[in-house]
Amino acid sequence: MKKYYQLMILAVPLLFFLVYICSVSAASGVAAYYVGPGEAYMATLDGRVRKITNTTSNTLFIPVRTLAEQQSFLNNLPVGVYLE
């Protein structure tokens, strides 16, 4: 019975650790870029490296998880945001 408890003490934290690793790896990768007011940022959008210039007074949020999000941003640029 004592060995059973020792095994549980080792197995339960290992199980939680494995679940944590799987959940982190599923969400890994770049989900968005943030470009501050008056800043320029080099980002890979739609397979090309582009310079994004934010001339507004707000921080710019660029979702880039999927190709559809990237293309939507490129086709609907906010006012005061320029691509080179």
Protein backbone atom coordinates (compact mmCIF):
# COMPACT_ATOMS: atom_id res chain seq x y z
CA MET A 1 0.00 0.00 0.00
CA LYS A 2 2.89 2.35 0.75
CA LYS A 3 4.35 1.83 -2.73
CA TYR A 4 0.96 2.61 -4.24
CA TYR A 5 0.93 6.02 -2.51
CA GLN A 6 4.51 6.72 -3.56
CA LEU A 7 3.58 5.91 -7.14
CA MET A 8 0.58 8.25 -6.95
CA ILE A 9 2.75 11.03 -5.53
CA LEU A 10 4.97 10.75 -8.60
CA ALA A 11 2.30 10.02 -11.23
CA VAL A 12 -0.22 12.78 -10.47
CA PRO A 13 2.21 15.73 -10.83
CA LEU A 14 3.62 14.12 -13.97
CA LEU A 15 0.12 13.85 -15.43
CA PHE A 16 -0.60 17.53 -14.71
CA PHE A 17 2.75 18.49 -16.21
CA LEU A 18 2.02 16.57 -19.42
CA VAL A 19 -1.39 18.22 -19.76
CA TYR A 20 0.25 21.63 -19.29
CA ILE A 21 2.86 20.92 -21.97
CA CYS A 22 0.21 19.81 -24.46
CA SER A 23 -1.92 22.89 -23.88
CA VAL A 24 1.07 25.24 -24.26
CA SER A 25 2.29 23.64 -27.48
CA ALA A 26 -1.17 23.91 -29.02
CA ALA A 27 -1.20 27.66 -28.44
CA SER A 28 2.41 28.33 -29.38
CA GLY A 29 3.37 30.60 -32.25
CA VAL A 30 2.75 34.22 -33.03
CA ALA A 31 -0.90 35.13 -32.60
CA ALA A 32 -0.63 38.88 -33.19
CA TYR A 33 1.74 41.78 -33.65
CA TYR A 34 1.42 45.02 -31.71
CA VAL A 35 2.75 48.23 -33.25
CA GLY A 36 2.88 51.24 -30.96
CA PRO A 37 1.94 54.81 -31.89
CA GLY A 38 4.43 56.34 -34.30
CA GLU A 39 6.42 53.10 -34.63
CA ALA A 40 7.43 51.00 -37.62
CA TYR A 41 7.63 47.21 -37.42
CA MET A 42 8.91 44.52 -39.78
CA ALA A 43 6.43 41.61 -39.89
CA THR A 44 5.85 38.59 -42.09
CA LEU A 45 2.38 38.87 -43.60
CA ASP A 46 1.04 36.72 -46.42
CA GLY A 47 4.47 35.11 -46.87
CA ARG A 48 6.34 38.42 -47.37
CA VAL A 49 8.28 40.59 -44.97
CA ARG A 50 6.57 43.97 -44.81
CA LYS A 51 7.27 47.18 -42.96
CA ILE A 52 4.19 48.36 -41.09
CA THR A 53 4.20 52.04 -40.13
CA ASN A 54 1.68 53.21 -37.54
CA THR A 55 1.17 56.99 -37.69
CA THR A 56 -1.86 57.00 -35.40
CA SER A 57 -1.90 57.73 -31.66
CA ASN A 58 -3.17 54.23 -30.83
CA THR A 59 -1.44 50.87 -30.55
CA LEU A 60 -2.16 48.74 -33.61
CA PHE A 61 -3.24 45.11 -33.17
CA ILE A 62 -2.52 42.84 -36.14
CA PRO A 63 -3.95 39.30 -35.89
CA VAL A 64 -1.70 36.87 -37.78
CA ARG A 65 -2.64 33.38 -36.55
CA THR A 66 -4.13 32.33 -39.90
CA LEU A 67 -3.60 33.36 -43.49
CA ALA A 68 -7.20 34.62 -43.64
CA GLU A 69 -6.53 37.02 -40.74
CA GLN A 70 -3.38 38.29 -42.45
CA GLN A 71 -5.13 38.85 -45.76
CA SER A 72 -8.06 40.56 -44.05
CA PHE A 73 -5.67 43.00 -42.38
CA LEU A 74 -3.86 43.69 -45.66
CA ASN A 75 -7.11 44.27 -47.55
CA ASN A 76 -8.65 46.49 -44.83
CA LEU A 77 -5.81 48.65 -43.52
CA PRO A 78 -6.81 51.07 -40.77
CA VAL A 79 -6.50 54.80 -41.46
CA GLY A 80 -2.99 56.01 -40.66
CA VAL A 81 -1.31 52.62 -41.21
CA TYR A 82 1.04 52.19 -44.16
CA LEU A 83 2.77 49.16 -45.67
CA GLU A 84 6.04 49.14 -47.55
